[in-house]
Protein backbone atom coordinates (compact mmCIF):
# COMPACT_ATOMS: atom_id res chain seq x y z
CA MET A 1 0.01 0.02 -0.05
CA LYS A 2 1.07 3.55 -0.60
CA PHE A 3 0.52 6.21 2.12
CA TYR A 4 1.01 9.97 1.94
CA VAL A 5 1.58 11.47 5.38
CA ILE A 6 1.45 15.11 6.38
CA GLY A 7 2.70 16.10 9.82
CA ASP A 8 5.55 17.38 11.93
CA VAL A 9 8.95 15.84 12.38
CA THR A 10 10.85 17.01 15.69
CA VAL A 11 13.57 16.35 18.06
CA ASP A 12 12.00 15.32 21.31
CA HIS A 13 13.75 16.12 24.61
CA LEU A 14 12.25 13.73 27.16
CA TYR A 15 12.54 14.23 31.02
CA HIS A 16 11.03 11.68 33.36
CA LEU A 17 10.32 13.29 36.70
CA ARG A 18 9.09 12.29 40.20
CA ARG A 19 6.77 15.38 39.95
CA LEU A 20 6.32 18.33 37.66
CA PRO A 21 8.24 21.45 38.85
CA LYS A 22 6.46 24.46 40.42
CA PRO A 23 7.06 27.89 38.87
CA GLY A 24 10.67 28.90 39.44
CA GLU A 25 11.67 25.47 40.86
CA GLU A 26 14.54 23.42 39.50
CA VAL A 27 14.16 19.63 39.57
CA THR A 28 16.32 16.69 38.57
CA PRO A 29 14.95 14.02 36.22
CA THR A 30 15.13 10.34 36.99
CA GLN A 31 15.91 9.88 33.26
CA ALA A 32 16.54 12.32 30.36
CA SER A 33 16.99 11.46 26.69
CA MET A 34 16.74 12.98 23.26
CA LYS A 35 14.82 11.13 20.52
CA PRO A 36 13.45 11.66 16.96
CA GLY A 37 9.70 12.32 17.08
CA GLY A 38 6.88 14.32 15.72
CA ALA A 39 3.43 12.95 14.65
CA GLY A 40 4.25 12.87 10.95
CA GLY A 41 7.51 11.14 11.56
CA THR A 42 6.10 8.61 13.94
CA ILE A 43 3.16 7.75 11.77
CA SER A 44 5.53 7.36 8.68
CA VAL A 45 7.97 5.26 10.51
CA THR A 46 5.31 2.87 11.88
CA LEU A 47 3.73 2.40 8.48
CA ALA A 48 7.13 1.79 6.73
CA ARG A 49 8.11 -0.71 9.39
CA LEU A 50 4.78 -2.52 8.66
CA GLY A 51 5.92 -2.77 5.11
CA HIS A 52 4.18 0.02 3.24
CA THR A 53 5.50 2.52 0.84
CA VAL A 54 5.33 5.89 2.56
CA THR A 55 5.91 9.49 1.45
CA LEU A 56 6.28 11.96 4.28
CA ALA A 57 5.51 15.68 3.67
CA ALA A 58 7.36 17.83 6.32
CA ARG A 59 9.81 20.68 6.58
CA VAL A 60 13.09 20.86 8.60
CA GLY A 61 15.85 23.47 9.01
CA THR A 62 19.38 23.22 7.88
CA ASP A 63 20.62 22.96 11.49
CA PRO A 64 22.23 19.84 13.05
CA PHE A 65 19.00 18.70 14.53
CA ALA A 66 17.43 18.19 11.09
CA GLU A 67 19.40 14.94 10.25
CA TYR A 68 18.64 13.53 13.73
CA ALA A 69 14.98 14.32 13.49
CA LEU A 70 14.89 12.38 10.21
CA SER A 71 17.14 9.50 11.30
CA HIS A 72 14.52 6.82 11.89
CA VAL A 73 12.38 8.22 8.97
CA ARG A 74 15.26 7.40 6.67
CA ASP A 75 16.33 4.20 8.31
CA SER A 76 12.86 2.80 8.03
CA GLY A 77 12.70 3.46 4.18
CA VAL A 78 10.27 6.41 4.27
CA LEU A 79 10.61 8.35 0.82
CA ASP A 80 11.86 11.85 1.39
CA SER A 81 10.80 13.45 -1.87
CA ALA A 82 8.24 15.75 -0.11
CA ILE A 83 10.57 16.71 2.73
CA GLN A 84 11.50 20.38 2.40
CA ARG A 85 14.47 22.30 3.85
CA ASP A 86 13.97 25.77 5.41
CA PRO A 87 17.08 27.97 5.21
CA GLU A 88 15.82 30.45 7.84
CA ARG A 89 13.96 28.49 10.55
CA LEU A 90 15.02 25.84 12.88
CA THR A 91 13.97 22.17 12.87
CA SER A 92 11.02 21.78 15.35
CA THR A 93 11.72 20.61 18.91
CA ILE A 94 9.46 19.48 21.72
CA THR A 95 10.37 19.26 25.49
CA VAL A 96 8.30 16.68 27.31
CA MET A 97 8.09 16.42 31.07
CA GLN A 98 6.24 13.44 32.48
CA THR A 99 5.87 11.63 35.66
CA ALA A 100 5.34 7.89 36.50
CA SER A 101 1.67 8.65 37.35
CA GLY A 102 0.92 9.96 33.93
CA GLU A 103 1.17 13.77 34.47
CA ARG A 104 2.71 15.49 31.59
CA ALA A 105 3.64 19.04 30.41
CA MET A 106 5.13 20.00 27.02
CA ILE A 107 6.90 22.84 25.35
CA SER A 108 6.72 22.77 21.57
CA HIS A 109 7.76 25.02 18.65
CA GLY A 110 6.31 24.45 15.24
CA ALA A 111 9.32 26.26 13.50
CA ALA A 112 10.11 24.88 10.18
CA ASN A 113 7.18 22.51 9.94
CA ARG A 114 4.59 25.36 9.93
CA GLN A 115 6.37 26.71 6.68
CA LEU A 116 5.72 23.67 4.66
CA ASP A 117 5.35 25.28 1.18
CA PRO A 118 2.18 24.47 -0.73
CA ALA A 119 3.97 25.18 -4.04
CA GLY A 120 5.82 21.93 -3.36
CA LEU A 121 2.75 19.75 -3.30
CA LYS A 122 2.45 17.36 -6.20
CA VAL A 123 -1.24 16.49 -6.71
CA LYS A 124 -0.26 13.29 -8.54
CA ASP A 125 1.48 11.94 -5.53
CA ILE A 126 -1.81 12.25 -3.62
CA GLU A 127 -3.97 10.81 -6.29
CA GLY A 128 -1.62 7.87 -6.66
CA SER A 129 -1.69 6.92 -2.88
CA ASP A 130 -4.02 4.49 -1.30
CA ALA A 131 -4.56 6.83 1.76
CA LEU A 132 -3.76 10.26 2.99
CA ILE A 133 -2.94 10.56 6.70
CA ILE A 134 -2.84 13.96 8.40
CA ASN A 135 -2.05 15.05 11.81
CA ALA A 136 -4.19 18.11 12.78
CA TYR A 137 -1.12 20.22 13.89
CA ALA A 138 -0.65 20.57 10.13
CA LEU A 139 -4.04 22.41 10.00
CA THR A 140 -3.36 25.01 12.66
CA GLU A 141 -1.53 27.83 10.89
CA GLY A 142 0.76 29.12 8.24
CA PRO A 143 1.74 27.66 4.73
CA GLN A 144 1.61 24.04 6.22
CA ARG A 145 -2.28 24.58 6.75
CA GLU A 146 -2.66 25.63 3.04
CA TYR A 147 -0.60 22.61 1.91
CA THR A 148 -2.68 20.37 3.98
CA LEU A 149 -6.03 21.77 2.79
CA ALA A 150 -4.84 21.44 -0.80
CA ALA A 151 -3.87 17.80 -0.14
CA ILE A 152 -7.35 17.03 1.14
CA ARG A 153 -8.95 18.56 -1.88
CA ALA A 154 -6.76 16.50 -4.15
CA ALA A 155 -7.61 13.32 -2.24
CA GLN A 156 -11.31 13.90 -2.29
CA GLY A 157 -11.31 15.10 -5.92
CA ALA A 158 -9.21 12.30 -7.27
CA LYS A 159 -10.67 10.07 -10.03
CA LYS A 160 -10.47 7.23 -7.52
CA PRO A 161 -11.00 9.18 -4.16
CA VAL A 162 -8.26 8.58 -1.65
CA PRO A 163 -9.50 7.95 1.90
CA VAL A 164 -8.43 10.61 4.36
CA PHE A 165 -7.47 9.76 7.90
CA ILE A 166 -7.08 12.78 10.25
CA ASP A 167 -5.67 12.43 13.79
CA LEU A 168 -6.11 15.39 16.10
CA GLY A 169 -3.72 16.53 18.76
CA THR A 170 -4.25 18.20 22.11
CA GLY A 171 -2.15 21.10 21.34
CA ALA A 172 -3.93 21.64 17.86
CA VAL A 173 -7.32 21.58 19.41
CA ASN A 174 -6.27 23.83 22.22
CA LYS A 175 -4.81 26.28 19.70
CA VAL A 176 -7.55 26.46 17.14
CA GLY A 177 -10.66 25.23 19.16
CA THR A 178 -14.01 24.37 17.66
CA SER A 179 -13.14 26.17 14.46
CA LEU A 180 -11.01 23.15 13.52
CA LEU A 181 -14.23 21.08 13.13
CA GLY A 182 -14.88 22.54 9.70
CA ASP A 183 -11.53 21.32 8.49
CA VAL A 184 -11.78 17.75 9.78
CA ILE A 185 -15.35 16.83 9.57
CA ALA A 186 -15.23 15.45 6.02
CA ALA A 187 -12.43 12.98 6.84
CA ASP A 188 -13.14 9.40 6.05
CA TYR A 189 -11.71 8.54 9.49
CA LEU A 190 -11.45 11.03 12.36
CA MET A 191 -9.25 9.96 15.35
CA LEU A 192 -8.97 11.84 18.59
CA ASN A 193 -8.95 11.33 22.35
CA GLN A 194 -11.65 12.26 24.88
CA HIS A 195 -10.27 15.65 25.70
CA GLU A 196 -9.85 16.56 22.05
CA LEU A 197 -13.33 15.30 21.24
CA GLN A 198 -14.96 17.38 23.87
CA ALA A 199 -12.81 20.51 23.12
CA LEU A 200 -13.51 20.23 19.38
CA THR A 201 -17.30 20.11 19.93
CA GLY A 202 -17.70 22.35 23.01
CA THR A 203 -19.53 19.58 24.71
CA GLY A 204 -19.25 17.95 28.24
CA SER A 205 -19.60 14.15 27.39
CA ILE A 206 -18.49 11.65 24.79
CA SER A 207 -22.10 10.88 23.86
CA ALA A 208 -23.05 14.54 23.28
CA ALA A 209 -19.87 15.12 21.32
CA LEU A 210 -20.36 12.09 19.07
CA ALA A 211 -24.01 13.17 18.43
CA GLN A 212 -22.76 16.59 17.41
CA LEU A 213 -20.09 15.24 15.03
CA GLY A 214 -22.89 12.99 13.52
CA ALA A 215 -25.08 15.95 13.05
CA ALA A 216 -22.20 17.81 11.34
CA GLY A 217 -21.71 14.91 8.92
CA ALA A 218 -19.05 12.72 10.36
CA GLN A 219 -18.99 9.19 9.07
CA ARG A 220 -16.39 7.27 11.01
CA VAL A 221 -14.86 8.44 14.40
CA VAL A 222 -12.43 6.68 16.64
CA VAL A 223 -12.02 7.97 20.21
CA LYS A 224 -8.97 6.95 22.22
CA VAL A 225 -9.92 6.48 25.88
CA GLY A 226 -6.62 5.55 27.47
CA LYS A 227 -6.74 2.50 29.72
CA MET A 228 -10.24 1.69 28.58
CA GLY A 229 -9.08 1.28 25.10
CA SER A 230 -10.91 3.00 22.25
CA ILE A 231 -14.45 3.71 20.94
CA THR A 232 -15.45 3.29 17.34
CA TRP A 233 -18.48 5.26 16.07
CA THR A 234 -20.46 5.42 12.84
CA PRO A 235 -24.00 6.94 12.38
CA THR A 236 -25.40 3.47 13.00
CA GLU A 237 -23.14 1.74 15.53
CA THR A 238 -20.94 2.60 18.62
CA GLU A 239 -18.57 0.06 20.20
CA LEU A 240 -16.13 0.08 23.02
CA VAL A 241 -12.91 -1.73 21.99
CA ASP A 242 -11.03 -3.04 25.05
CA ALA A 243 -7.54 -2.07 25.68
CA ILE A 244 -4.72 -4.65 25.14
CA ARG A 245 -2.16 -5.05 27.92
CA PRO A 246 1.13 -6.10 26.28
CA GLU A 247 4.07 -7.65 28.00
CA GLY A 248 6.60 -5.23 29.21
CA GLN A 249 6.45 -2.12 31.47
CA VAL A 250 4.90 1.01 30.13
CA VAL A 251 7.66 3.64 30.38
CA ASP A 252 6.87 6.48 27.99
CA SER A 253 3.52 7.42 26.29
CA THR A 254 5.12 9.84 23.75
CA GLY A 255 4.01 8.90 20.24
CA ALA A 256 1.69 6.11 21.33
CA GLY A 257 -1.33 7.91 19.83
CA ASP A 258 0.64 8.40 16.57
CA THR A 259 1.42 4.68 16.46
CA PHE A 260 -2.31 3.96 17.15
CA THR A 261 -3.21 6.04 14.17
CA ALA A 262 -0.78 4.50 11.79
CA THR A 263 -1.71 0.96 12.82
CA PHE A 264 -5.41 1.61 12.55
CA ALA A 265 -4.89 2.89 8.94
CA HIS A 266 -2.70 -0.18 8.26
CA ALA A 267 -5.43 -2.50 9.41
CA VAL A 268 -8.29 -0.76 7.57
CA LEU A 269 -6.42 -0.82 4.33
CA ASN A 270 -5.81 -4.48 4.75
CA GLY A 271 -9.48 -5.25 5.04
CA ALA A 272 -10.17 -5.07 8.83
CA GLY A 273 -13.41 -3.59 10.06
CA MET A 274 -13.33 -0.62 12.38
CA SER A 275 -13.37 -2.58 15.63
CA GLU A 276 -10.78 -5.00 14.50
CA ALA A 277 -8.55 -2.11 13.22
CA ALA A 278 -9.06 -0.45 16.66
CA ARG A 279 -8.02 -3.52 18.59
CA ALA A 280 -4.89 -3.71 16.37
CA ALA A 281 -4.29 -0.05 17.20
CA ASN A 282 -4.88 -0.45 20.84
CA ALA A 283 -2.13 -3.14 20.98
CA ALA A 284 0.28 -1.15 18.89
CA GLY A 285 -0.10 2.05 21.03
CA ALA A 286 0.42 0.05 24.12
CA LEU A 287 3.45 -1.72 22.78
CA ALA A 288 4.89 1.68 21.66
CA ALA A 289 4.83 2.91 25.28
CA THR A 290 7.15 0.21 26.40
CA GLY A 291 10.04 1.99 24.79
CA ILE A 292 11.46 5.40 25.62
CA GLY A 293 10.79 7.72 22.61
CA ALA A 294 8.04 7.92 20.02
CA GLN A 295 9.78 5.71 17.42
CA GLU A 296 12.01 3.44 19.50
CA ARG A 297 9.67 0.41 19.91
CA PRO A 298 9.16 -0.91 16.29
CA ILE A 299 5.66 -2.27 15.52
CA THR A 300 5.88 -5.24 13.23
CA PRO A 301 3.25 -7.48 11.52
CA ALA A 302 4.43 -10.23 13.80
CA ASP A 303 3.60 -8.08 16.94
CA LEU A 304 -0.07 -7.70 15.70
CA ALA A 305 -0.34 -11.33 14.76
CA GLU A 306 0.98 -12.35 18.17
CA VAL A 307 -1.24 -10.06 20.29
CA LEU A 308 -4.31 -10.36 18.06
CA PRO A 309 -4.17 -13.65 16.12
CA GLY A 310 -7.78 -13.36 15.06
CA VAL A 311 -7.45 -10.00 13.33
CA ALA A 312 -7.16 -10.12 9.55
CA VAL A 313 -4.22 -7.69 8.84
CA PRO A 314 -1.89 -9.44 6.49
CA ALA A 315 1.50 -7.96 6.07
CA PRO A 316 2.05 -6.18 2.77
CA ALA A 317 5.15 -6.54 0.61
CA PRO A 318 8.29 -4.76 1.84
CA ALA A 319 8.59 -1.11 0.90
CA PRO A 320 11.56 0.09 -1.13
CA LYS A 321 14.39 1.53 0.79
CA ALA A 322 14.90 5.32 0.37
CA THR A 323 18.40 6.21 -0.88
CA ARG A 324 20.37 7.60 2.07
CA GLY A 325 22.38 10.16 0.03
CA ARG A 326 19.27 11.48 -1.73
CA LYS A 327 18.73 15.28 -1.42
CA SER A 328 15.56 16.53 0.13
CA THR A 329 13.39 19.10 -1.71
CA ALA A 330 14.38 22.72 -1.10
CA GLY A 331 11.64 25.05 0.12
């Protein structure tokens, strides 16, 4: 299968703390690390490791962080023809502070990602894909938003329409609010967590929020509800899909939601129904959280077959490897 992914690539600075610091307070982490991250990067890497051909549309600077942010992207064979270089802005970074109890605070800077130049979009690449996957941070502002909206139009207007998967993010919803609804409601599959769902709709419960999305025209929605698993929704059916508890200790939830999104799309395009795809995605997101860093715990077809032997998600043929020395597109 061929996927076109639009989203951020970042360098993540991860700090594991006993507790979050108070204003003006200095604390010492129990563990600190730096890892490649970003929703676009993590979704792309997950799909490529599952054997798909993946093109990632993102923008990085010319600073030393750029190559590090793209290291797993390249190692996994993601095609870099739609990755742009920004001569003026830095590669995006995120600082994540989290505790063992699940508290988390983040500092993020869109930087080069938000300047993704729509002039670099090749409509034929969208039309030739089997699916378009978008993280909603790409819809918040700047040229990246225009690029993403043009890609959605290309997917929906293709001779053979390309299914669109949109995954929200807490920061994106907090920044844009309910006005984001108009950009995402026509997605073939809309994925978000409970907080994002209620903030997007301005409602106080999951049921009220889903009813509002249905009235607005949503067709398929997946709500990530943490330890409970996920909820799949269509205008005619709602189902709670139980969480999967993998072997191994959960150590870092960074990127688990992005891994969920990629695995859900993988399963759907391999013929799984929504509930089956959500079960596979629940398992993959949980497995991802057993490694430190968004892209450190590879998800493989063997993982999904082992955890969910009854789910029909056959592995596709291996994707071609990207040429390591290939030049990225200049913006």
